[in-house]
Amino acid sequence: MKKLLAIILALAMVLSLAACGETAPTPGPDLPETTAAPDNAEDPAPEEADVPEQENALETLTRIWDAYPADEEGNKFMSFGGDYHEENQVENAPGWHSIDTDEDAESLDTNFGLPASMVSSVSRVACIRHMLNANTFTCSAYEVIQPENADVDNVQAVADALRDGLMNRAYMCGWPEQLDIYSVGNTVVCFFGALDIVNTFKDALVSVYGDGCTLCYEEDMSEAGGDNTFAFPVPNGDDPA
């Protein structure tokens, strides 16, 4: 069952950013409720630590998600976290996204807008997306590695790269409406999608972190566009219409 889910999730992730993310993997009894950190992850910060810089990316996204409005209000949509690696898949919660391989780097670019050249600037990545269409809502969080050189700000560099990566491409099947990028300590949180969902998520983020978060970008995605649209194969080998 898990192997089948991993295959379906891999396909959904490849198609998600620029295409119709019609259906993410159907939740099943074998899908874990929590997700383990990838091999490159360190132990989480102690529970008593409440300083943004001491949180890992998954803890940051989880705190925001837990502050999201209740399901009965119709706000907390069906979602899935993690990547195509079976051990990282999680239902209705954020999950880890591995960064160890070229395939992982390609997924971060295709699905979340982080150029492969910037992967070396982050130590861990977490993510969560809308279950039915990634263009309705996609969020990723990056633990940024700050160099010893105080003149170099990798947090801003990662935010800049995400902004450019997401605004300079075309989308299909539900063009996202707004992009927001925040920094929380050395973690960059990037999310885009339908305006109401993005604003609700933003409100949850600000309610959790207050002055501890900084808005890096807020963009109207109707201004997005470019030639960087993922084209998937069709059975007869022709280009998609």
C-alpha atoms as a PDB file:
ATOM      1  CA  MET A   1       0.000   0.000   0.000  1.00  0.00           C
ATOM      2  CA  LYS A   2       2.746   2.438   0.969  1.00  0.00           C
ATOM      3  CA  LYS A   3       4.703   1.679  -2.196  1.00  0.00           C
ATOM      4  CA  LEU A   4       1.643   2.491  -4.308  1.00  0.00           C
ATOM      5  CA  LEU A   5       1.112   5.734  -2.385  1.00  0.00           C
ATOM      6  CA  ALA A   6       4.760   6.671  -2.887  1.00  0.00           C
ATOM      7  CA  ILE A   7       4.438   6.181  -6.661  1.00  0.00           C
ATOM      8  CA  ILE A   8       1.238   8.253  -6.824  1.00  0.00           C
ATOM      9  CA  LEU A   9       2.771  11.010  -4.695  1.00  0.00           C
ATOM     10  CA  ALA A  10       5.876  11.128  -6.880  1.00  0.00           C
ATOM     11  CA  LEU A  11       3.700  11.653  -9.959  1.00  0.00           C
ATOM     12  CA  ALA A  12       1.572  14.285  -8.203  1.00  0.00           C
ATOM     13  CA  MET A  13       4.659  16.242  -7.127  1.00  0.00           C
ATOM     14  CA  VAL A  14       6.107  16.291 -10.639  1.00  0.00           C
ATOM     15  CA  LEU A  15       2.871  17.713 -12.022  1.00  0.00           C
ATOM     16  CA  SER A  16       1.910  19.955  -9.128  1.00  0.00           C
ATOM     17  CA  LEU A  17       3.547  23.369  -9.515  1.00  0.00           C
ATOM     18  CA  ALA A  18       2.654  24.269 -13.071  1.00  0.00           C
ATOM     19  CA  ALA A  19      -0.047  21.745 -13.762  1.00  0.00           C
ATOM     20  CA  CYS A  20      -3.425  20.406 -12.707  1.00  0.00           C
ATOM     21  CA  GLY A  21      -2.668  18.788  -9.367  1.00  0.00           C
ATOM     22  CA  GLU A  22      -5.880  16.825  -9.749  1.00  0.00           C
ATOM     23  CA  THR A  23      -5.530  14.427  -6.862  1.00  0.00           C
ATOM     24  CA  ALA A  24      -2.799  13.817  -4.354  1.00  0.00           C
ATOM     25  CA  PRO A  25      -2.431  10.302  -2.928  1.00  0.00           C
ATOM     26  CA  THR A  26      -5.638   9.011  -1.398  1.00  0.00           C
ATOM     27  CA  PRO A  27      -5.197   8.817   2.377  1.00  0.00           C
ATOM     28  CA  GLY A  28      -5.190   5.290   3.680  1.00  0.00           C
ATOM     29  CA  PRO A  29      -4.698   3.466   6.936  1.00  0.00           C
ATOM     30  CA  ASP A  30      -1.009   2.889   6.192  1.00  0.00           C
ATOM     31  CA  LEU A  31      -0.192   6.580   5.767  1.00  0.00           C
ATOM     32  CA  PRO A  32       1.686   7.758   8.885  1.00  0.00           C
ATOM     33  CA  GLU A  33       0.247  10.476  11.074  1.00  0.00           C
ATOM     34  CA  THR A  34       3.733  11.838  11.741  1.00  0.00           C
ATOM     35  CA  THR A  35       6.910  11.890   9.730  1.00  0.00           C
ATOM     36  CA  ALA A  36      10.498  11.279  10.679  1.00  0.00           C
ATOM     37  CA  ALA A  37      13.261  13.692   9.818  1.00  0.00           C
ATOM     38  CA  PRO A  38      15.412  12.744   6.811  1.00  0.00           C
ATOM     39  CA  ASP A  39      18.836  11.262   7.375  1.00  0.00           C
ATOM     40  CA  ASN A  40      20.451  14.696   7.216  1.00  0.00           C
ATOM     41  CA  ALA A  41      18.219  16.042  10.018  1.00  0.00           C
ATOM     42  CA  GLU A  42      19.358  16.766  13.526  1.00  0.00           C
ATOM     43  CA  ASP A  43      17.409  16.240  16.725  1.00  0.00           C
ATOM     44  CA  PRO A  44      14.680  18.852  17.244  1.00  0.00           C
ATOM     45  CA  ALA A  45      15.234  21.718  19.642  1.00  0.00           C
ATOM     46  CA  PRO A  46      14.117  21.168  23.252  1.00  0.00           C
ATOM     47  CA  GLU A  47      10.423  21.795  23.832  1.00  0.00           C
ATOM     48  CA  GLU A  48      11.138  24.644  26.209  1.00  0.00           C
ATOM     49  CA  ALA A  49      12.969  26.604  23.488  1.00  0.00           C
ATOM     50  CA  ASP A  50      10.610  29.226  22.105  1.00  0.00           C
ATOM     51  CA  VAL A  51      13.132  31.287  20.141  1.00  0.00           C
ATOM     52  CA  PRO A  52      12.450  31.122  16.378  1.00  0.00           C
ATOM     53  CA  GLU A  53      16.132  30.492  15.540  1.00  0.00           C
ATOM     54  CA  GLN A  54      16.069  27.349  17.709  1.00  0.00           C
ATOM     55  CA  GLU A  55      13.162  25.731  15.881  1.00  0.00           C
ATOM     56  CA  ASN A  56      13.587  23.455  12.932  1.00  0.00           C
ATOM     57  CA  ALA A  57      11.571  23.974   9.751  1.00  0.00           C
ATOM     58  CA  LEU A  58       9.056  21.253  10.559  1.00  0.00           C
ATOM     59  CA  GLU A  59       8.389  22.673  14.024  1.00  0.00           C
ATOM     60  CA  THR A  60       7.821  26.117  12.506  1.00  0.00           C
ATOM     61  CA  LEU A  61       5.291  24.862   9.955  1.00  0.00           C
ATOM     62  CA  THR A  62       3.588  22.664  12.537  1.00  0.00           C
ATOM     63  CA  ARG A  63       3.097  25.587  14.938  1.00  0.00           C
ATOM     64  CA  ILE A  64       1.546  27.656  12.146  1.00  0.00           C
ATOM     65  CA  TRP A  65      -0.656  24.777  10.971  1.00  0.00           C
ATOM     66  CA  ASP A  66      -1.828  24.098  14.515  1.00  0.00           C
ATOM     67  CA  ALA A  67      -2.840  27.775  14.819  1.00  0.00           C
ATOM     68  CA  TYR A  68      -4.895  27.564  11.624  1.00  0.00           C
ATOM     69  CA  PRO A  69      -8.703  28.026  12.022  1.00  0.00           C
ATOM     70  CA  ALA A  70     -10.742  24.955  12.902  1.00  0.00           C
ATOM     71  CA  ASP A  71     -12.134  22.523  10.337  1.00  0.00           C
ATOM     72  CA  GLU A  72     -15.750  23.315  11.136  1.00  0.00           C
ATOM     73  CA  GLU A  73     -15.220  26.786   9.687  1.00  0.00           C
ATOM     74  CA  GLY A  74     -14.217  25.259   6.384  1.00  0.00           C
ATOM     75  CA  ASN A  75     -10.723  26.699   6.562  1.00  0.00           C
ATOM     76  CA  LYS A  76      -8.442  23.781   7.366  1.00  0.00           C
ATOM     77  CA  PHE A  77      -8.401  21.983   4.044  1.00  0.00           C
ATOM     78  CA  MET A  78      -7.308  18.420   3.304  1.00  0.00           C
ATOM     79  CA  SER A  79      -3.558  18.474   2.851  1.00  0.00           C
ATOM     80  CA  PHE A  80      -0.448  16.352   2.613  1.00  0.00           C
ATOM     81  CA  GLY A  81       3.127  16.970   3.669  1.00  0.00           C
ATOM     82  CA  GLY A  82       6.507  15.565   2.783  1.00  0.00           C
ATOM     83  CA  ASP A  83       7.991  14.430  -0.518  1.00  0.00           C
ATOM     84  CA  TYR A  84       7.990  11.336  -2.718  1.00  0.00           C
ATOM     85  CA  HIS A  85      10.103   9.374  -0.217  1.00  0.00           C
ATOM     86  CA  GLU A  86       7.796   6.971   1.566  1.00  0.00           C
ATOM     87  CA  GLU A  87       9.216   7.699   5.010  1.00  0.00           C
ATOM     88  CA  ASN A  88       8.488  11.436   4.641  1.00  0.00           C
ATOM     89  CA  GLN A  89       4.840  11.211   3.550  1.00  0.00           C
ATOM     90  CA  VAL A  90       2.276  12.487   6.037  1.00  0.00           C
ATOM     91  CA  GLU A  91      -1.450  13.250   5.906  1.00  0.00           C
ATOM     92  CA  ASN A  92      -3.002  16.573   6.981  1.00  0.00           C
ATOM     93  CA  ALA A  93       0.215  17.917   8.485  1.00  0.00           C
ATOM     94  CA  PRO A  94       3.570  19.322   7.384  1.00  0.00           C
ATOM     95  CA  GLY A  95       6.311  16.829   6.560  1.00  0.00           C
ATOM     96  CA  TRP A  96      10.011  16.735   5.758  1.00  0.00           C
ATOM     97  CA  HIS A  97      11.349  17.165   2.224  1.00  0.00           C
ATOM     98  CA  SER A  98      14.751  15.544   1.685  1.00  0.00           C
ATOM     99  CA  ILE A  99      17.580  17.530   0.090  1.00  0.00           C
ATOM    100  CA  ASP A 100      20.161  14.772  -0.374  1.00  0.00           C
ATOM    101  CA  THR A 101      19.960  13.949  -4.091  1.00  0.00           C
ATOM    102  CA  ASP A 102      19.708  15.660  -7.471  1.00  0.00           C
ATOM    103  CA  GLU A 103      16.156  14.341  -7.657  1.00  0.00           C
ATOM    104  CA  ASP A 104      15.353  16.076  -4.370  1.00  0.00           C
ATOM    105  CA  ALA A 105      16.780  19.345  -5.702  1.00  0.00           C
ATOM    106  CA  GLU A 106      14.749  19.018  -8.900  1.00  0.00           C
ATOM    107  CA  SER A 107      11.597  18.473  -6.830  1.00  0.00           C
ATOM    108  CA  LEU A 108      12.291  21.595  -4.765  1.00  0.00           C
ATOM    109  CA  ASP A 109      12.590  23.631  -7.947  1.00  0.00           C
ATOM    110  CA  THR A 110       9.619  22.129  -9.788  1.00  0.00           C
ATOM    111  CA  ASN A 111       7.223  22.028  -6.844  1.00  0.00           C
ATOM    112  CA  PHE A 112       8.328  24.899  -4.596  1.00  0.00           C
ATOM    113  CA  GLY A 113      10.375  27.299  -6.731  1.00  0.00           C
ATOM    114  CA  LEU A 114      13.769  26.929  -5.005  1.00  0.00           C
ATOM    115  CA  PRO A 115      16.535  26.863  -7.657  1.00  0.00           C
ATOM    116  CA  ALA A 116      18.909  23.918  -7.412  1.00  0.00           C
ATOM    117  CA  SER A 117      21.780  26.370  -6.976  1.00  0.00           C
ATOM    118  CA  MET A 118      20.314  27.441  -3.616  1.00  0.00           C
ATOM    119  CA  VAL A 119      19.895  23.981  -2.070  1.00  0.00           C
ATOM    120  CA  SER A 120      23.380  24.168  -0.563  1.00  0.00           C
ATOM    121  CA  SER A 121      22.235  27.243   1.398  1.00  0.00           C
ATOM    122  CA  VAL A 122      19.627  25.287   3.391  1.00  0.00           C
ATOM    123  CA  SER A 123      20.043  22.462   5.896  1.00  0.00           C
ATOM    124  CA  ARG A 124      16.475  21.093   6.077  1.00  0.00           C
ATOM    125  CA  VAL A 125      13.144  21.668   4.323  1.00  0.00           C
ATOM    126  CA  ALA A 126       9.538  21.016   5.385  1.00  0.00           C
ATOM    127  CA  CYS A 127       6.390  21.417   3.300  1.00  0.00           C
ATOM    128  CA  ILE A 128       2.612  21.092   3.144  1.00  0.00           C
ATOM    129  CA  ARG A 129       0.234  21.324   0.182  1.00  0.00           C
ATOM    130  CA  HIS A 130      -3.444  21.236  -0.702  1.00  0.00           C
ATOM    131  CA  MET A 131      -4.564  17.650  -1.232  1.00  0.00           C
ATOM    132  CA  LEU A 132      -6.339  18.285  -4.558  1.00  0.00           C
ATOM    133  CA  ASN A 133      -4.419  21.069  -6.293  1.00  0.00           C
ATOM    134  CA  ALA A 134      -1.006  22.414  -5.345  1.00  0.00           C
ATOM    135  CA  ASN A 135      -1.814  25.750  -7.003  1.00  0.00           C
ATOM    136  CA  THR A 136      -4.632  26.217  -4.485  1.00  0.00           C
ATOM    137  CA  PHE A 137      -2.061  26.208  -1.686  1.00  0.00           C
ATOM    138  CA  THR A 138       1.585  25.211  -1.367  1.00  0.00           C
ATOM    139  CA  CYS A 139       3.900  26.049   1.515  1.00  0.00           C
ATOM    140  CA  SER A 140       7.549  25.276   2.150  1.00  0.00           C
ATOM    141  CA  ALA A 141       9.929  26.202   4.986  1.00  0.00           C
ATOM    142  CA  TYR A 142      13.730  26.309   4.752  1.00  0.00           C
ATOM    143  CA  GLU A 143      16.305  26.247   7.534  1.00  0.00           C
ATOM    144  CA  VAL A 144      18.910  28.612   6.123  1.00  0.00           C
ATOM    145  CA  ILE A 145      22.630  28.167   6.715  1.00  0.00           C
ATOM    146  CA  GLN A 146      24.077  31.552   7.616  1.00  0.00           C
ATOM    147  CA  PRO A 147      27.756  31.955   6.684  1.00  0.00           C
ATOM    148  CA  GLU A 148      30.310  33.272   9.149  1.00  0.00           C
ATOM    149  CA  ASN A 149      30.723  36.338   6.944  1.00  0.00           C
ATOM    150  CA  ALA A 150      28.305  38.826   8.516  1.00  0.00           C
ATOM    151  CA  ASP A 151      28.068  40.728   5.228  1.00  0.00           C
ATOM    152  CA  VAL A 152      26.269  37.798   3.548  1.00  0.00           C
ATOM    153  CA  ASP A 153      22.562  37.330   4.308  1.00  0.00           C
ATOM    154  CA  ASN A 154      21.532  33.891   3.091  1.00  0.00           C
ATOM    155  CA  VAL A 155      18.023  34.336   4.529  1.00  0.00           C
ATOM    156  CA  GLN A 156      17.375  37.203   2.143  1.00  0.00           C
ATOM    157  CA  ALA A 157      19.143  35.354  -0.684  1.00  0.00           C
ATOM    158  CA  VAL A 158      16.847  32.327  -0.254  1.00  0.00           C
ATOM    159  CA  ALA A 159      13.783  34.585  -0.089  1.00  0.00           C
ATOM    160  CA  ASP A 160      14.912  36.397  -3.261  1.00  0.00           C
ATOM    161  CA  ALA A 161      15.489  33.102  -5.082  1.00  0.00           C
ATOM    162  CA  LEU A 162      12.058  31.754  -4.105  1.00  0.00           C
ATOM    163  CA  ARG A 163      10.342  34.966  -5.184  1.00  0.00           C
ATOM    164  CA  ASP A 164      12.060  34.933  -8.574  1.00  0.00           C
ATOM    165  CA  GLY A 165      11.566  31.195  -9.020  1.00  0.00           C
ATOM    166  CA  LEU A 166       7.807  31.389  -8.425  1.00  0.00           C
ATOM    167  CA  MET A 167       7.056  34.660 -10.207  1.00  0.00           C
ATOM    168  CA  ASN A 168       9.012  33.829 -13.362  1.00  0.00           C
ATOM    169  CA  ARG A 169       7.023  30.814 -14.468  1.00  0.00           C
ATOM    170  CA  ALA A 170       3.607  30.047 -15.894  1.00  0.00           C
ATOM    171  CA  TYR A 171       0.863  28.042 -14.175  1.00  0.00           C
ATOM    172  CA  MET A 172      -1.997  25.873 -15.382  1.00  0.00           C
ATOM    173  CA  CYS A 173      -5.313  24.754 -13.905  1.00  0.00           C
ATOM    174  CA  GLY A 174      -5.894  27.318 -11.205  1.00  0.00           C
ATOM    175  CA  TRP A 175      -3.409  30.167 -11.448  1.00  0.00           C
ATOM    176  CA  PRO A 176      -2.337  31.027  -7.865  1.00  0.00           C
ATOM    177  CA  GLU A 177      -3.376  34.497  -6.697  1.00  0.00           C
ATOM    178  CA  GLN A 178      -0.850  35.558  -4.078  1.00  0.00           C
ATOM    179  CA  LEU A 179       2.679  34.736  -2.928  1.00  0.00           C
ATOM    180  CA  ASP A 180       3.933  35.508   0.576  1.00  0.00           C
ATOM    181  CA  ILE A 181       7.457  34.944   1.895  1.00  0.00           C
ATOM    182  CA  TYR A 182       8.350  35.471   5.556  1.00  0.00           C
ATOM    183  CA  SER A 183      11.464  34.949   7.611  1.00  0.00           C
ATOM    184  CA  VAL A 184      11.213  33.544  11.137  1.00  0.00           C
ATOM    185  CA  GLY A 185      14.702  33.736  12.553  1.00  0.00           C
ATOM    186  CA  ASN A 186      16.860  31.767  10.118  1.00  0.00           C
ATOM    187  CA  THR A 187      13.854  29.949   8.632  1.00  0.00           C
ATOM    188  CA  VAL A 188      12.223  31.174   5.421  1.00  0.00           C
ATOM    189  CA  VAL A 189       8.521  30.328   5.046  1.00  0.00           C
ATOM    190  CA  CYS A 190       7.148  30.598   1.503  1.00  0.00           C
ATOM    191  CA  PHE A 191       3.493  30.024   0.578  1.00  0.00           C
ATOM    192  CA  PHE A 192       1.283  30.739  -2.420  1.00  0.00           C
ATOM    193  CA  GLY A 193      -2.175  29.916  -3.751  1.00  0.00           C
ATOM    194  CA  ALA A 194      -5.747  31.170  -3.528  1.00  0.00           C
ATOM    195  CA  LEU A 195      -5.993  34.595  -1.901  1.00  0.00           C
ATOM    196  CA  ASP A 196      -8.285  33.610   0.969  1.00  0.00           C
ATOM    197  CA  ILE A 197      -6.193  30.579   1.935  1.00  0.00           C
ATOM    198  CA  VAL A 198      -2.926  32.485   1.735  1.00  0.00           C
ATOM    199  CA  ASN A 199      -4.279  35.298   3.901  1.00  0.00           C
ATOM    200  CA  THR A 200      -5.660  32.856   6.478  1.00  0.00           C
ATOM    201  CA  PHE A 201      -2.307  31.075   6.658  1.00  0.00           C
ATOM    202  CA  LYS A 202      -0.545  34.438   6.948  1.00  0.00           C
ATOM    203  CA  ASP A 203      -2.810  35.420   9.842  1.00  0.00           C
ATOM    204  CA  ALA A 204      -1.947  32.156  11.607  1.00  0.00           C
ATOM    205  CA  LEU A 205       1.784  32.745  11.072  1.00  0.00           C
ATOM    206  CA  VAL A 206       1.617  36.286  12.453  1.00  0.00           C
ATOM    207  CA  SER A 207      -0.529  35.177  15.401  1.00  0.00           C
ATOM    208  CA  VAL A 208       2.146  32.655  16.378  1.00  0.00           C
ATOM    209  CA  TYR A 209       5.288  34.734  15.808  1.00  0.00           C
ATOM    210  CA  GLY A 210       4.198  38.383  16.009  1.00  0.00           C
ATOM    211  CA  ASP A 211       7.274  40.607  15.882  1.00  0.00           C
ATOM    212  CA  GLY A 212       9.417  37.498  15.499  1.00  0.00           C
ATOM    213  CA  CYS A 213       8.517  37.207  11.819  1.00  0.00           C
ATOM    214  CA  THR A 214       9.424  39.542   8.970  1.00  0.00           C
ATOM    215  CA  LEU A 215       7.618  39.929   5.642  1.00  0.00           C
ATOM    216  CA  CYS A 216      10.127  39.559   2.805  1.00  0.00           C
ATOM    217  CA  TYR A 217       7.695  39.586  -0.144  1.00  0.00           C
ATOM    218  CA  GLU A 218       3.991  39.774  -0.872  1.00  0.00           C
ATOM    219  CA  GLU A 219       3.286  39.468  -4.581  1.00  0.00           C
ATOM    220  CA  ASP A 220       0.193  39.533  -6.773  1.00  0.00           C
ATOM    221  CA  MET A 221       0.672  36.363  -8.804  1.00  0.00           C
ATOM    222  CA  SER A 222      -1.433  37.645 -11.671  1.00  0.00           C
ATOM    223  CA  GLU A 223       1.862  39.332 -12.550  1.00  0.00           C
ATOM    224  CA  ALA A 224       3.666  35.984 -12.694  1.00  0.00           C
ATOM    225  CA  GLY A 225       4.522  34.319 -15.966  1.00  0.00           C
ATOM    226  CA  GLY A 226       7.280  33.084 -18.208  1.00  0.00           C
ATOM    227  CA  ASP A 227       8.485  30.210 -20.298  1.00  0.00           C
ATOM    228  CA  ASN A 228       9.375  28.064 -17.296  1.00  0.00           C
ATOM    229  CA  THR A 229       6.299  25.834 -17.486  1.00  0.00           C
ATOM    230  CA  PHE A 230       6.764  22.136 -16.912  1.00  0.00           C
ATOM    231  CA  ALA A 231       5.520  20.201 -19.967  1.00  0.00           C
ATOM    232  CA  PHE A 232       4.546  16.625 -19.248  1.00  0.00           C
ATOM    233  CA  PRO A 233       4.434  13.809 -21.790  1.00  0.00           C
ATOM    234  CA  VAL A 234       1.175  12.560 -23.241  1.00  0.00           C
ATOM    235  CA  PRO A 235       0.570   9.015 -24.537  1.00  0.00           C
ATOM    236  CA  ASN A 236       1.066   9.800 -28.220  1.00  0.00           C
ATOM    237  CA  GLY A 237       4.268  11.722 -27.550  1.00  0.00           C
ATOM    238  CA  ASP A 238       2.890  15.042 -28.756  1.00  0.00           C
ATOM    239  CA  ASP A 239       3.301  18.228 -26.740  1.00  0.00           C
ATOM    240  CA  PRO A 240       0.332  19.124 -24.525  1.00  0.00           C
ATOM    241  CA  ALA A 241      -2.101  21.604 -26.060  1.00  0.00           C
END
